[in-house]
Amino acid sequence: WAKWLLLLEHVYNSPLHASTGISPYFLLHGFEPRSPLDILEVNTGLIRRSGETEQFERAMRIQ
């Protein structure tokens, strides 16, 4: 369980506290924590659809 301790600490200290409105992480470090989702670059471009996808959708509509 020791390998999960850092992740658990991050998850526990990240949400805002109900009475203070501030996260424990912010109180300790002076800034809000970054999550892996904050770091990832999201490609917002359109996803190209393959012919197989369109065939599958047509087959599903027929049924």
PDB file of N, CA and C in Angstrom:
ATOM      1  N   TRP A   1       0.814  -1.192   0.000  1.00  0.00           N
ATOM      2  CA  TRP A   1       0.000   0.000   0.000  1.00  0.00           C
ATOM      3  C   TRP A   1       0.854   1.251   0.000  1.00  0.00           C
ATOM      4  N   ALA A   2       2.114   1.099   0.362  1.00  0.00           N
ATOM      5  CA  ALA A   2       3.006   2.257   0.437  1.00  0.00           C
ATOM      6  C   ALA A   2       3.182   2.943  -0.917  1.00  0.00           C
ATOM      7  N   LYS A   3       3.098   2.163  -2.010  1.00  0.00           N
ATOM      8  CA  LYS A   3       3.286   2.782  -3.329  1.00  0.00           C
ATOM      9  C   LYS A   3       2.131   3.708  -3.699  1.00  0.00           C
ATOM     10  N   TRP A   4       0.983   3.563  -3.052  1.00  0.00           N
ATOM     11  CA  TRP A   4      -0.183   4.394  -3.346  1.00  0.00           C
ATOM     12  C   TRP A   4      -0.295   5.600  -2.415  1.00  0.00           C
ATOM     13  N   LEU A   5       0.573   5.701  -1.437  1.00  0.00           N
ATOM     14  CA  LEU A   5       0.448   6.737  -0.420  1.00  0.00           C
ATOM     15  C   LEU A   5       0.539   8.151  -0.992  1.00  0.00           C
ATOM     16  N   LEU A   6       1.468   8.410  -1.896  1.00  0.00           N
ATOM     17  CA  LEU A   6       1.587   9.756  -2.475  1.00  0.00           C
ATOM     18  C   LEU A   6       0.346  10.142  -3.277  1.00  0.00           C
ATOM     19  N   LEU A   7      -0.180   9.189  -4.038  1.00  0.00           N
ATOM     20  CA  LEU A   7      -1.395   9.468  -4.805  1.00  0.00           C
ATOM     21  C   LEU A   7      -2.573   9.720  -3.871  1.00  0.00           C
ATOM     22  N   LEU A   8      -2.703   8.917  -2.838  1.00  0.00           N
ATOM     23  CA  LEU A   8      -3.781   9.093  -1.868  1.00  0.00           C
ATOM     24  C   LEU A   8      -3.682  10.450  -1.183  1.00  0.00           C
ATOM     25  N   GLU A   9      -2.475  10.842  -0.815  1.00  0.00           N
ATOM     26  CA  GLU A   9      -2.271  12.143  -0.184  1.00  0.00           C
ATOM     27  C   GLU A   9      -2.688  13.275  -1.127  1.00  0.00           C
ATOM     28  N   HIS A  10      -2.335  13.153  -2.391  1.00  0.00           N
ATOM     29  CA  HIS A  10      -2.704  14.170  -3.385  1.00  0.00           C
ATOM     30  C   HIS A  10      -4.227  14.265  -3.522  1.00  0.00           C
ATOM     31  N   VAL A  11      -4.879  13.123  -3.626  1.00  0.00           N
ATOM     32  CA  VAL A  11      -6.339  13.100  -3.788  1.00  0.00           C
ATOM     33  C   VAL A  11      -7.027  13.645  -2.542  1.00  0.00           C
ATOM     34  N   TYR A  12      -6.519  13.310  -1.382  1.00  0.00           N
ATOM     35  CA  TYR A  12      -7.124  13.748  -0.122  1.00  0.00           C
ATOM     36  C   TYR A  12      -6.958  15.251   0.093  1.00  0.00           C
ATOM     37  N   ASN A  13      -5.819  15.796  -0.277  1.00  0.00           N
ATOM     38  CA  ASN A  13      -5.517  17.206  -0.005  1.00  0.00           C
ATOM     39  C   ASN A  13      -5.923  18.166  -1.118  1.00  0.00           C
ATOM     40  N   SER A  14      -6.403  17.668  -2.237  1.00  0.00           N
ATOM     41  CA  SER A  14      -6.725  18.534  -3.378  1.00  0.00           C
ATOM     42  C   SER A  14      -8.090  19.225  -3.311  1.00  0.00           C
ATOM     43  N   PRO A  15      -9.154  18.565  -2.844  1.00  0.00           N
ATOM     44  CA  PRO A  15     -10.469  19.225  -2.867  1.00  0.00           C
ATOM     45  C   PRO A  15     -10.556  20.386  -1.871  1.00  0.00           C
ATOM     46  N   LEU A  16     -11.446  21.320  -2.178  1.00  0.00           N
ATOM     47  CA  LEU A  16     -11.674  22.443  -1.274  1.00  0.00           C
ATOM     48  C   LEU A  16     -12.329  21.946   0.005  1.00  0.00           C
ATOM     49  N   HIS A  17     -11.919  22.507   1.129  1.00  0.00           N
ATOM     50  CA  HIS A  17     -12.508  22.159   2.416  1.00  0.00           C
ATOM     51  C   HIS A  17     -13.809  22.938   2.563  1.00  0.00           C
ATOM     52  N   ALA A  18     -14.843  22.301   3.087  1.00  0.00           N
ATOM     53  CA  ALA A  18     -16.165  22.920   3.173  1.00  0.00           C
ATOM     54  C   ALA A  18     -16.167  24.179   4.041  1.00  0.00           C
ATOM     55  N   SER A  19     -15.458  24.183   5.142  1.00  0.00           N
ATOM     56  CA  SER A  19     -15.522  25.335   6.046  1.00  0.00           C
ATOM     57  C   SER A  19     -14.594  26.475   5.637  1.00  0.00           C
ATOM     58  N   THR A  20     -13.445  26.167   5.043  1.00  0.00           N
ATOM     59  CA  THR A  20     -12.503  27.234   4.682  1.00  0.00           C
ATOM     60  C   THR A  20     -12.639  27.679   3.232  1.00  0.00           C
ATOM     61  N   GLY A  21     -13.136  26.784   2.369  1.00  0.00           N
ATOM     62  CA  GLY A  21     -13.216  27.092   0.946  1.00  0.00           C
ATOM     63  C   GLY A  21     -11.863  27.026   0.261  1.00  0.00           C
ATOM     64  N   ILE A  22     -10.859  26.507   0.968  1.00  0.00           N
ATOM     65  CA  ILE A  22      -9.498  26.396   0.450  1.00  0.00           C
ATOM     66  C   ILE A  22      -9.045  24.953   0.615  1.00  0.00           C
ATOM     67  N   SER A  23      -8.275  24.476  -0.337  1.00  0.00           N
ATOM     68  CA  SER A  23      -7.779  23.102  -0.225  1.00  0.00           C
ATOM     69  C   SER A  23      -6.604  23.045   0.747  1.00  0.00           C
ATOM     70  N   PRO A  24      -6.442  21.927   1.457  1.00  0.00           N
ATOM     71  CA  PRO A  24      -5.265  21.773   2.316  1.00  0.00           C
ATOM     72  C   PRO A  24      -3.961  21.925   1.533  1.00  0.00           C
ATOM     73  N   TYR A  25      -3.945  21.484   0.282  1.00  0.00           N
ATOM     74  CA  TYR A  25      -2.747  21.619  -0.549  1.00  0.00           C
ATOM     75  C   TYR A  25      -2.382  23.091  -0.718  1.00  0.00           C
ATOM     76  N   PHE A  26      -3.395  23.934  -0.974  1.00  0.00           N
ATOM     77  CA  PHE A  26      -3.149  25.364  -1.146  1.00  0.00           C
ATOM     78  C   PHE A  26      -2.618  25.984   0.144  1.00  0.00           C
ATOM     79  N   LEU A  27      -3.178  25.577   1.276  1.00  0.00           N
ATOM     80  CA  LEU A  27      -2.705  26.112   2.553  1.00  0.00           C
ATOM     81  C   LEU A  27      -1.242  25.759   2.805  1.00  0.00           C
ATOM     82  N   LEU A  28      -0.840  24.578   2.377  1.00  0.00           N
ATOM     83  CA  LEU A  28       0.528  24.130   2.607  1.00  0.00           C
ATOM     84  C   LEU A  28       1.521  24.716   1.606  1.00  0.00           C
ATOM     85  N   HIS A  29       1.121  24.793   0.323  1.00  0.00           N
ATOM     86  CA  HIS A  29       2.057  25.170  -0.736  1.00  0.00           C
ATOM     87  C   HIS A  29       1.843  26.575  -1.311  1.00  0.00           C
ATOM     88  N   GLY A  30       0.662  27.147  -1.120  1.00  0.00           N
ATOM     89  CA  GLY A  30       0.396  28.481  -1.639  1.00  0.00           C
ATOM     90  C   GLY A  30      -0.122  28.510  -3.059  1.00  0.00           C
ATOM     91  N   PHE A  31      -0.387  27.354  -3.636  1.00  0.00           N
ATOM     92  CA  PHE A  31      -0.979  27.268  -4.974  1.00  0.00           C
ATOM     93  C   PHE A  31      -1.743  25.955  -5.075  1.00  0.00           C
ATOM     94  N   GLU A  32      -2.693  25.916  -6.008  1.00  0.00           N
ATOM     95  CA  GLU A  32      -3.494  24.703  -6.190  1.00  0.00           C
ATOM     96  C   GLU A  32      -2.665  23.633  -6.892  1.00  0.00           C
ATOM     97  N   PRO A  33      -2.922  22.371  -6.577  1.00  0.00           N
ATOM     98  CA  PRO A  33      -2.151  21.290  -7.206  1.00  0.00           C
ATOM     99  C   PRO A  33      -2.519  21.120  -8.669  1.00  0.00           C
ATOM    100  N   ARG A  34      -1.568  20.637  -9.430  1.00  0.00           N
ATOM    101  CA  ARG A  34      -1.833  20.294 -10.830  1.00  0.00           C
ATOM    102  C   ARG A  34      -2.081  18.805 -10.909  1.00  0.00           C
ATOM    103  N   SER A  35      -3.058  18.443 -11.688  1.00  0.00           N
ATOM    104  CA  SER A  35      -3.342  17.026 -11.889  1.00  0.00           C
ATOM    105  C   SER A  35      -2.782  16.607 -13.244  1.00  0.00           C
ATOM    106  N   PRO A  36      -2.681  15.315 -13.489  1.00  0.00           N
ATOM    107  CA  PRO A  36      -2.225  14.868 -14.810  1.00  0.00           C
ATOM    108  C   PRO A  36      -3.097  15.407 -15.941  1.00  0.00           C
ATOM    109  N   LEU A  37      -4.368  15.637 -15.676  1.00  0.00           N
ATOM    110  CA  LEU A  37      -5.253  16.171 -16.715  1.00  0.00           C
ATOM    111  C   LEU A  37      -4.902  17.612 -17.067  1.00  0.00           C
ATOM    112  N   ASP A  38      -4.355  18.360 -16.120  1.00  0.00           N
ATOM    113  CA  ASP A  38      -3.923  19.731 -16.400  1.00  0.00           C
ATOM    114  C   ASP A  38      -2.709  19.756 -17.318  1.00  0.00           C
ATOM    115  N   ILE A  39      -1.911  18.713 -17.263  1.00  0.00           N
ATOM    116  CA  ILE A  39      -0.666  18.661 -18.017  1.00  0.00           C
ATOM    117  C   ILE A  39      -0.877  18.165 -19.444  1.00  0.00           C
ATOM    118  N   LEU A  40      -1.854  17.279 -19.627  1.00  0.00           N
ATOM    119  CA  LEU A  40      -2.096  16.697 -20.945  1.00  0.00           C
ATOM    120  C   LEU A  40      -2.558  17.747 -21.935  1.00  0.00           C
ATOM    121  N   GLU A  41      -2.067  17.650 -23.140  1.00  0.00           N
ATOM    122  CA  GLU A  41      -2.570  18.503 -24.210  1.00  0.00           C
ATOM    123  C   GLU A  41      -3.699  17.752 -24.897  1.00  0.00           C
ATOM    124  N   VAL A  42      -4.832  18.399 -25.013  1.00  0.00           N
ATOM    125  CA  VAL A  42      -5.987  17.765 -25.624  1.00  0.00           C
ATOM    126  C   VAL A  42      -6.096  18.231 -27.065  1.00  0.00           C
ATOM    127  N   ASN A  43      -6.153  17.286 -27.978  1.00  0.00           N
ATOM    128  CA  ASN A  43      -6.325  17.602 -29.384  1.00  0.00           C
ATOM    129  C   ASN A  43      -7.809  17.830 -29.622  1.00  0.00           C
ATOM    130  N   THR A  44      -8.174  19.061 -29.940  1.00  0.00           N
ATOM    131  CA  THR A  44      -9.579  19.384 -30.130  1.00  0.00           C
ATOM    132  C   THR A  44      -9.996  19.300 -31.593  1.00  0.00           C
ATOM    133  N   GLY A  45      -9.084  18.857 -32.449  1.00  0.00           N
ATOM    134  CA  GLY A  45      -9.416  18.714 -33.862  1.00  0.00           C
ATOM    135  C   GLY A  45     -10.413  17.587 -34.086  1.00  0.00           C
ATOM    136  N   LEU A  46     -11.003  17.604 -35.239  1.00  0.00           N
ATOM    137  CA  LEU A  46     -11.959  16.556 -35.570  1.00  0.00           C
ATOM    138  C   LEU A  46     -11.253  15.227 -35.770  1.00  0.00           C
ATOM    139  N   ILE A  47     -11.888  14.190 -35.330  1.00  0.00           N
ATOM    140  CA  ILE A  47     -11.356  12.846 -35.513  1.00  0.00           C
ATOM    141  C   ILE A  47     -11.866  12.324 -36.852  1.00  0.00           C
ATOM    142  N   ARG A  48     -10.949  11.851 -37.669  1.00  0.00           N
ATOM    143  CA  ARG A  48     -11.353  11.318 -38.970  1.00  0.00           C
ATOM    144  C   ARG A  48     -12.043   9.983 -38.773  1.00  0.00           C
ATOM    145  N   ARG A  49     -13.136   9.832 -39.444  1.00  0.00           N
ATOM    146  CA  ARG A  49     -13.896   8.593 -39.341  1.00  0.00           C
ATOM    147  C   ARG A  49     -13.482   7.668 -40.465  1.00  0.00           C
ATOM    148  N   SER A  50     -13.306   6.430 -40.135  1.00  0.00           N
ATOM    149  CA  SER A  50     -12.928   5.456 -41.155  1.00  0.00           C
ATOM    150  C   SER A  50     -14.189   4.922 -41.831  1.00  0.00           C
ATOM    151  N   GLY A  51     -14.003   4.323 -42.977  1.00  0.00           N
ATOM    152  CA  GLY A  51     -15.122   3.708 -43.680  1.00  0.00           C
ATOM    153  C   GLY A  51     -15.737   2.582 -42.870  1.00  0.00           C
ATOM    154  N   GLU A  52     -14.917   1.874 -42.110  1.00  0.00           N
ATOM    155  CA  GLU A  52     -15.430   0.791 -41.275  1.00  0.00           C
ATOM    156  C   GLU A  52     -16.384   1.319 -40.215  1.00  0.00           C
ATOM    157  N   THR A  53     -16.088   2.477 -39.663  1.00  0.00           N
ATOM    158  CA  THR A  53     -16.963   3.068 -38.656  1.00  0.00           C
ATOM    159  C   THR A  53     -18.318   3.390 -39.258  1.00  0.00           C
ATOM    160  N   GLU A  54     -18.310   3.977 -40.436  1.00  0.00           N
ATOM    161  CA  GLU A  54     -19.572   4.322 -41.087  1.00  0.00           C
ATOM    162  C   GLU A  54     -20.361   3.071 -41.452  1.00  0.00           C
ATOM    163  N   GLN A  55     -19.690   2.024 -41.916  1.00  0.00           N
ATOM    164  CA  GLN A  55     -20.378   0.768 -42.225  1.00  0.00           C
ATOM    165  C   GLN A  55     -21.009   0.187 -40.969  1.00  0.00           C
ATOM    166  N   PHE A  56     -20.298   0.205 -39.871  1.00  0.00           N
ATOM    167  CA  PHE A  56     -20.814  -0.312 -38.614  1.00  0.00           C
ATOM    168  C   PHE A  56     -22.050   0.467 -38.181  1.00  0.00           C
ATOM    169  N   GLU A  57     -21.996   1.803 -38.280  1.00  0.00           N
ATOM    170  CA  GLU A  57     -23.145   2.620 -37.887  1.00  0.00           C
ATOM    171  C   GLU A  57     -24.353   2.334 -38.771  1.00  0.00           C
ATOM    172  N   ARG A  58     -24.132   2.165 -40.074  1.00  0.00           N
ATOM    173  CA  ARG A  58     -25.244   1.838 -40.972  1.00  0.00           C
ATOM    174  C   ARG A  58     -25.847   0.489 -40.602  1.00  0.00           C
ATOM    175  N   ALA A  59     -24.998  -0.489 -40.332  1.00  0.00           N
ATOM    176  CA  ALA A  59     -25.484  -1.821 -39.966  1.00  0.00           C
ATOM    177  C   ALA A  59     -26.284  -1.768 -38.671  1.00  0.00           C
ATOM    178  N   MET A  60     -25.856  -0.956 -37.728  1.00  0.00           N
ATOM    179  CA  MET A  60     -26.573  -0.857 -36.458  1.00  0.00           C
ATOM    180  C   MET A  60     -27.921  -0.166 -36.636  1.00  0.00           C
ATOM    181  N   ARG A  61     -27.998   0.801 -37.548  1.00  0.00           N
ATOM    182  CA  ARG A  61     -29.274   1.480 -37.797  1.00  0.00           C
ATOM    183  C   ARG A  61     -30.274   0.546 -38.458  1.00  0.00           C
ATOM    184  N   ILE A  62     -29.789  -0.359 -39.300  1.00  0.00           N
ATOM    185  CA  ILE A  62     -30.672  -1.291 -40.005  1.00  0.00           C
ATOM    186  C   ILE A  62     -31.338  -2.235 -39.015  1.00  0.00           C
ATOM    187  N   GLN A  63     -30.607  -2.670 -38.024  1.00  0.00           N
ATOM    188  CA  GLN A  63     -31.161  -3.603 -37.047  1.00  0.00           C
ATOM    189  C   GLN A  63     -32.119  -2.862 -36.211  1.00  0.00           C
TER     190      GLN A  63
END
